[in-house]
C-alpha atoms as a PDB file:
ATOM      1  CA  MET A   1      -6.455  11.608  10.541  1.00  0.00           C
ATOM      2  CA  ALA A   2      -9.550  10.006   9.067  1.00  0.00           C
ATOM      3  CA  ASN A   3      -9.717   9.879   5.274  1.00  0.00           C
ATOM      4  CA  LEU A   4     -13.168  11.348   4.631  1.00  0.00           C
ATOM      5  CA  THR A   5     -13.200  10.341   0.972  1.00  0.00           C
ATOM      6  CA  LYS A   6     -13.027   6.628   1.778  1.00  0.00           C
ATOM      7  CA  ILE A   7     -15.435   6.205   4.696  1.00  0.00           C
ATOM      8  CA  ASP A   8     -17.558   3.073   4.414  1.00  0.00           C
ATOM      9  CA  LEU A   9     -21.012   4.371   5.393  1.00  0.00           C
ATOM     10  CA  GLU A  10     -24.347   2.651   5.560  1.00  0.00           C
ATOM     11  CA  TYR A  11     -27.566   4.626   5.791  1.00  0.00           C
ATOM     12  CA  ILE A  12     -30.729   3.802   7.672  1.00  0.00           C
ATOM     13  CA  THR A  13     -33.732   5.119   5.794  1.00  0.00           C
ATOM     14  CA  ASP A  14     -37.377   5.591   6.651  1.00  0.00           C
ATOM     15  CA  GLU A  15     -40.317   4.119   4.744  1.00  0.00           C
ATOM     16  CA  SER A  16     -40.092   6.848   2.096  1.00  0.00           C
ATOM     17  CA  GLY A  17     -36.369   6.295   1.491  1.00  0.00           C
ATOM     18  CA  GLN A  18     -35.189   9.420   3.334  1.00  0.00           C
ATOM     19  CA  ARG A  19     -31.869   8.994   5.122  1.00  0.00           C
ATOM     20  CA  ARG A  20     -32.397   9.191   8.878  1.00  0.00           C
ATOM     21  CA  SER A  21     -29.217   7.725  10.397  1.00  0.00           C
ATOM     22  CA  VAL A  22     -25.764   6.607   9.416  1.00  0.00           C
ATOM     23  CA  VAL A  23     -23.763   3.546  10.454  1.00  0.00           C
ATOM     24  CA  LEU A  24     -19.981   3.530  10.195  1.00  0.00           C
ATOM     25  CA  PRO A  25     -17.214   1.205  11.364  1.00  0.00           C
ATOM     26  CA  ILE A  26     -16.132   1.766  14.975  1.00  0.00           C
ATOM     27  CA  ALA A  27     -12.516   2.380  13.893  1.00  0.00           C
ATOM     28  CA  THR A  28     -13.707   5.192  11.614  1.00  0.00           C
ATOM     29  CA  PHE A  29     -15.852   6.642  14.391  1.00  0.00           C
ATOM     30  CA  GLU A  30     -12.907   6.584  16.808  1.00  0.00           C
ATOM     31  CA  ALA A  31     -10.619   8.220  14.224  1.00  0.00           C
ATOM     32  CA  LEU A  32     -13.181  10.977  13.665  1.00  0.00           C
ATOM     33  CA  LEU A  33     -13.465  11.556  17.427  1.00  0.00           C
ATOM     34  CA  GLU A  34      -9.683  11.782  17.716  1.00  0.00           C
ATOM     35  CA  ASP A  35      -9.564  14.294  14.859  1.00  0.00           C
ATOM     36  CA  LEU A  36     -12.298  16.337  16.538  1.00  0.00           C
ATOM     37  CA  GLN A  37     -10.357  16.369  19.815  1.00  0.00           C
ATOM     38  CA  ASP A  38      -7.204  17.455  17.968  1.00  0.00           C
ATOM     39  CA  LEU A  39      -9.085  20.322  16.308  1.00  0.00           C
ATOM     40  CA  ALA A  40     -10.516  21.425  19.663  1.00  0.00           C
ATOM     41  CA  THR A  41      -6.997  21.478  21.137  1.00  0.00           C
ATOM     42  CA  ILE A  42      -5.704  23.519  18.195  1.00  0.00           C
ATOM     43  CA  ALA A  43      -8.544  26.033  18.572  1.00  0.00           C
ATOM     44  CA  LYS A  44      -7.946  26.291  22.326  1.00  0.00           C
ATOM     45  CA  ARG A  45      -4.220  26.946  21.829  1.00  0.00           C
ATOM     46  CA  ARG A  46      -4.581  29.352  18.927  1.00  0.00           C
ATOM     47  CA  ASP A  47      -3.533  32.412  20.938  1.00  0.00           C
ATOM     48  CA  GLU A  48      -0.633  30.798  22.803  1.00  0.00           C
ATOM     49  CA  PRO A  49       2.811  32.236  22.075  1.00  0.00           C
ATOM     50  CA  THR A  50       4.931  30.275  19.635  1.00  0.00           C
ATOM     51  CA  VAL A  51       8.500  29.052  20.076  1.00  0.00           C
ATOM     52  CA  SER A  52      10.994  28.840  17.232  1.00  0.00           C
ATOM     53  CA  HIS A  53      12.506  25.498  16.300  1.00  0.00           C
ATOM     54  CA  GLU A  54      15.921  26.700  17.452  1.00  0.00           C
ATOM     55  CA  GLU A  55      14.541  27.764  20.852  1.00  0.00           C
ATOM     56  CA  LEU A  56      12.805  24.413  21.276  1.00  0.00           C
ATOM     57  CA  ILE A  57      15.971  22.458  20.458  1.00  0.00           C
ATOM     58  CA  ALA A  58      18.008  24.594  22.884  1.00  0.00           C
ATOM     59  CA  GLU A  59      15.458  24.069  25.667  1.00  0.00           C
ATOM     60  CA  LEU A  60      15.346  20.306  25.090  1.00  0.00           C
ATOM     61  CA  LYS A  61      19.145  20.174  25.267  1.00  0.00           C
ATOM     62  CA  ARG A  62      19.177  22.260  28.479  1.00  0.00           C
ATOM     63  CA  ASN A  63      16.684  19.849  30.013  1.00  0.00           C
ATOM     64  CA  GLY A  64      18.755  16.830  28.965  1.00  0.00           C
ATOM     65  CA  LEU A  65      16.091  15.547  26.590  1.00  0.00           C
ATOM     66  CA  LEU A  66      18.373  15.862  23.550  1.00  0.00           C
ATOM     67  CA  PRO A  67      22.115  15.225  23.349  1.00  0.00           C
ATOM     68  CA  ASP A  68      24.411  18.219  22.806  1.00  0.00           C
END
């Protein structure tokens, strides 16, 4: 997740000094996009039924994805 308190931003200003655009490192931009995608997925799945930890472990064992 992007650390919003430590983003290295540069601003592009107009002739009167008003901020018009922002420039940020590509890695920061990509991290922000990934966070945005994660949040969209969370919102989309909000109403899906949940599974307890115990049920998940049992299912993974049944499917051979975890040792007994």
